[in-house]
Amino acid sequence: MWVRSLCVTASLSLAACAGPGPGLTGNDTGGIISSAVSREEARDMAIEHCARYGKYPVATSADRRHGGYYGFACRFDRRHRS
């Protein structure tokens, strides 16, 4: 019985490590995307991620070397705030 509960606990722990999407890790302030995806895919992923919070992405960094990341911040559009 304890083996079963150990397996369930391990599965839940691993699920908690998963980010908002494959290759993307972030929250409402921004995130990073693996450079394994193309620049266009990274842009689309950032747009979709920030839209969840009613924001738009602003690129902050791009390390295109092997194992690098595209970094972005999620910002409010000040022109359309009420």
Protein backbone atom coordinates (compact mmCIF):
# COMPACT_ATOMS: atom_id res chain seq x y z
CA MET A 1 0.00 0.00 0.00
CA TRP A 2 2.79 2.45 0.82
CA VAL A 3 4.34 1.81 -2.61
CA ARG A 4 1.13 2.95 -4.23
CA SER A 5 0.97 6.17 -2.21
CA LEU A 6 4.66 6.76 -2.97
CA CYS A 7 3.97 6.43 -6.71
CA VAL A 8 1.02 8.83 -6.50
CA THR A 9 3.11 11.35 -4.56
CA ALA A 10 5.97 11.10 -7.05
CA SER A 11 3.60 11.54 -10.00
CA LEU A 12 2.03 14.64 -8.47
CA SER A 13 5.45 16.09 -7.69
CA LEU A 14 6.57 15.65 -11.28
CA ALA A 15 3.35 17.14 -12.60
CA ALA A 16 3.91 20.22 -10.43
CA CYS A 17 7.28 20.76 -12.14
CA ALA A 18 5.69 21.12 -15.53
CA GLY A 19 5.51 24.72 -16.74
CA PRO A 20 2.74 26.49 -18.62
CA GLY A 21 3.63 24.61 -21.78
CA PRO A 22 6.32 22.47 -23.35
CA GLY A 23 9.52 24.50 -23.64
CA LEU A 24 8.00 27.46 -21.76
CA THR A 25 8.40 28.37 -18.11
CA GLY A 26 6.88 31.50 -16.66
CA ASN A 27 4.18 33.32 -14.75
CA ASP A 28 2.22 36.60 -14.99
CA THR A 29 5.42 38.71 -15.07
CA GLY A 30 7.09 36.90 -17.99
CA GLY A 31 9.07 33.79 -18.73
CA ILE A 32 11.63 31.92 -20.77
CA ILE A 33 11.27 29.72 -23.83
CA SER A 34 13.80 27.12 -24.91
CA SER A 35 15.81 28.16 -27.96
CA ALA A 36 15.06 24.73 -29.44
CA VAL A 37 11.96 26.32 -31.02
CA SER A 38 12.12 28.84 -33.86
CA ARG A 39 11.95 32.56 -33.23
CA GLU A 40 8.44 32.71 -34.71
CA GLU A 41 7.23 29.85 -32.52
CA ALA A 42 8.75 31.52 -29.46
CA ARG A 43 6.97 34.79 -30.31
CA ASP A 44 3.64 32.99 -30.70
CA MET A 45 4.13 31.09 -27.44
CA ALA A 46 4.95 34.34 -25.58
CA ILE A 47 1.88 36.09 -27.04
CA GLU A 48 -0.39 33.22 -25.99
CA HIS A 49 1.17 33.02 -22.52
CA CYS A 50 0.87 36.75 -21.75
CA ALA A 51 -2.66 36.92 -23.17
CA ARG A 52 -3.78 34.65 -20.32
CA TYR A 53 -3.04 37.57 -18.00
CA GLY A 54 -4.41 40.33 -20.25
CA LYS A 55 -0.89 41.47 -21.16
CA TYR A 56 1.43 41.49 -24.15
CA PRO A 57 5.02 40.18 -24.35
CA VAL A 58 8.17 42.29 -24.57
CA ALA A 59 11.39 40.50 -25.55
CA THR A 60 14.11 40.88 -22.91
CA SER A 61 16.82 38.48 -24.08
CA ALA A 62 17.71 35.95 -26.75
CA ASP A 63 20.45 33.38 -26.23
CA ARG A 64 20.34 31.26 -29.37
CA ARG A 65 23.23 29.01 -28.42
CA HIS A 66 22.57 25.35 -27.68
CA GLY A 67 20.64 25.18 -24.40
CA GLY A 68 19.82 28.89 -24.45
CA TYR A 69 16.53 30.67 -23.91
CA TYR A 70 14.40 33.49 -25.25
CA GLY A 71 13.36 35.72 -22.35
CA PHE A 72 10.25 37.91 -22.26
CA ALA A 73 8.29 40.09 -19.87
CA CYS A 74 4.50 40.37 -19.80
CA ARG A 75 3.40 44.01 -19.71
CA PHE A 76 0.11 45.87 -19.68
CA ASP A 77 -0.63 48.07 -22.68
CA ARG A 78 -0.70 51.52 -21.10
CA ARG A 79 -2.49 53.06 -24.08
CA HIS A 80 -5.59 50.92 -23.50
CA ARG A 81 -5.82 50.87 -19.71
CA SER A 82 -8.85 52.43 -18.12
